[in-house]
Amino acid sequence: MLELVCYYKLSSRLPEKQEGLPLQASDIEKRFEVLVEACDRDSSLLIEVEKLKSAFVKKQFVDRL
């Protein structure tokens, strides 16, 4: 699920390199906001979104090391 939140489309301008455009932190935050809104106040779903967000933050920290 974390890969889905962090997914970005490959750049069509540079087909020979096949490099994707990096996502900004604000893009990821917007995606989490959409997930929270989609939960429609369901507490069990909101808990899962928070777990996912926590896993993302943890992964970002580990990747920076």
C-alpha atoms as a PDB file:
ATOM      1  CA  MET A   1       0.000   0.000   0.000  1.00  0.00           C
ATOM      2  CA  LEU A   2       2.878   2.349   0.776  1.00  0.00           C
ATOM      3  CA  GLU A   3       4.162   1.903  -2.788  1.00  0.00           C
ATOM      4  CA  LEU A   4       0.767   3.018  -4.070  1.00  0.00           C
ATOM      5  CA  VAL A   5       0.849   6.228  -2.037  1.00  0.00           C
ATOM      6  CA  CYS A   6       4.395   6.987  -3.197  1.00  0.00           C
ATOM      7  CA  TYR A   7       3.775   6.024  -6.841  1.00  0.00           C
ATOM      8  CA  TYR A   8       4.735   8.485  -9.513  1.00  0.00           C
ATOM      9  CA  LYS A   9       4.288   8.286 -13.250  1.00  0.00           C
ATOM     10  CA  LEU A  10       7.335   7.855 -15.446  1.00  0.00           C
ATOM     11  CA  SER A  11       8.276  10.941 -17.398  1.00  0.00           C
ATOM     12  CA  SER A  12       7.139  10.735 -21.011  1.00  0.00           C
ATOM     13  CA  ARG A  13       9.560  13.470 -22.030  1.00  0.00           C
ATOM     14  CA  LEU A  14      12.635  11.297 -21.414  1.00  0.00           C
ATOM     15  CA  PRO A  15      11.718   7.825 -22.702  1.00  0.00           C
ATOM     16  CA  GLU A  16      15.339   6.787 -23.179  1.00  0.00           C
ATOM     17  CA  LYS A  17      16.164   7.323 -19.508  1.00  0.00           C
ATOM     18  CA  GLN A  18      12.895   5.977 -18.033  1.00  0.00           C
ATOM     19  CA  GLU A  19      13.257   8.214 -15.010  1.00  0.00           C
ATOM     20  CA  GLY A  20      10.287   9.222 -12.914  1.00  0.00           C
ATOM     21  CA  LEU A  21       9.628  12.628 -11.536  1.00  0.00           C
ATOM     22  CA  PRO A  22      10.263  12.693  -7.782  1.00  0.00           C
ATOM     23  CA  LEU A  23       7.323  13.464  -5.536  1.00  0.00           C
ATOM     24  CA  GLN A  24       7.488  16.365  -3.147  1.00  0.00           C
ATOM     25  CA  ALA A  25       6.490  15.963   0.490  1.00  0.00           C
ATOM     26  CA  SER A  26       3.462  18.161  -0.181  1.00  0.00           C
ATOM     27  CA  ASP A  27       2.279  15.722  -2.877  1.00  0.00           C
ATOM     28  CA  ILE A  28       2.469  12.807  -0.464  1.00  0.00           C
ATOM     29  CA  GLU A  29       0.689  14.835   2.224  1.00  0.00           C
ATOM     30  CA  LYS A  30      -2.120  15.630  -0.214  1.00  0.00           C
ATOM     31  CA  ARG A  31      -2.485  11.931  -0.977  1.00  0.00           C
ATOM     32  CA  PHE A  32      -2.821  11.152   2.722  1.00  0.00           C
ATOM     33  CA  GLU A  33      -5.443  13.898   3.048  1.00  0.00           C
ATOM     34  CA  VAL A  34      -7.436  12.290   0.229  1.00  0.00           C
ATOM     35  CA  LEU A  35      -7.208   8.932   1.984  1.00  0.00           C
ATOM     36  CA  VAL A  36      -8.444  10.469   5.242  1.00  0.00           C
ATOM     37  CA  GLU A  37     -11.386  12.085   3.455  1.00  0.00           C
ATOM     38  CA  ALA A  38     -12.212   8.790   1.758  1.00  0.00           C
ATOM     39  CA  CYS A  39     -12.446   7.088   5.157  1.00  0.00           C
ATOM     40  CA  ASP A  40     -15.681   9.006   5.796  1.00  0.00           C
ATOM     41  CA  ARG A  41     -15.065   9.153   9.572  1.00  0.00           C
ATOM     42  CA  ASP A  42     -14.667   5.365   9.878  1.00  0.00           C
ATOM     43  CA  SER A  43     -12.352   5.084  12.879  1.00  0.00           C
ATOM     44  CA  SER A  44     -10.879   1.727  11.889  1.00  0.00           C
ATOM     45  CA  LEU A  45      -9.972   3.046   8.430  1.00  0.00           C
ATOM     46  CA  LEU A  46      -8.530   6.237   9.903  1.00  0.00           C
ATOM     47  CA  ILE A  47      -6.315   4.145  12.179  1.00  0.00           C
ATOM     48  CA  GLU A  48      -5.021   2.247   9.144  1.00  0.00           C
ATOM     49  CA  VAL A  49      -4.266   5.486   7.305  1.00  0.00           C
ATOM     50  CA  GLU A  50      -2.348   6.744  10.337  1.00  0.00           C
ATOM     51  CA  LYS A  51      -0.360   3.493  10.435  1.00  0.00           C
ATOM     52  CA  LEU A  52       0.412   3.895   6.755  1.00  0.00           C
ATOM     53  CA  LYS A  53       1.503   7.495   7.258  1.00  0.00           C
ATOM     54  CA  SER A  54       3.696   6.454  10.169  1.00  0.00           C
ATOM     55  CA  ALA A  55       5.289   3.720   8.037  1.00  0.00           C
ATOM     56  CA  PHE A  56       5.981   6.297   5.327  1.00  0.00           C
ATOM     57  CA  VAL A  57       7.670   8.675   7.763  1.00  0.00           C
ATOM     58  CA  LYS A  58       9.722   5.814   9.175  1.00  0.00           C
ATOM     59  CA  LYS A  59      10.763   4.697   5.668  1.00  0.00           C
ATOM     60  CA  GLN A  60      11.789   8.245   4.747  1.00  0.00           C
ATOM     61  CA  PHE A  61      13.940   8.434   7.879  1.00  0.00           C
ATOM     62  CA  VAL A  62      15.635   5.111   7.158  1.00  0.00           C
ATOM     63  CA  ASP A  63      16.214   6.026   3.502  1.00  0.00           C
ATOM     64  CA  ARG A  64      18.027   9.199   4.540  1.00  0.00           C
ATOM     65  CA  LEU A  65      20.535   7.283   6.650  1.00  0.00           C
END
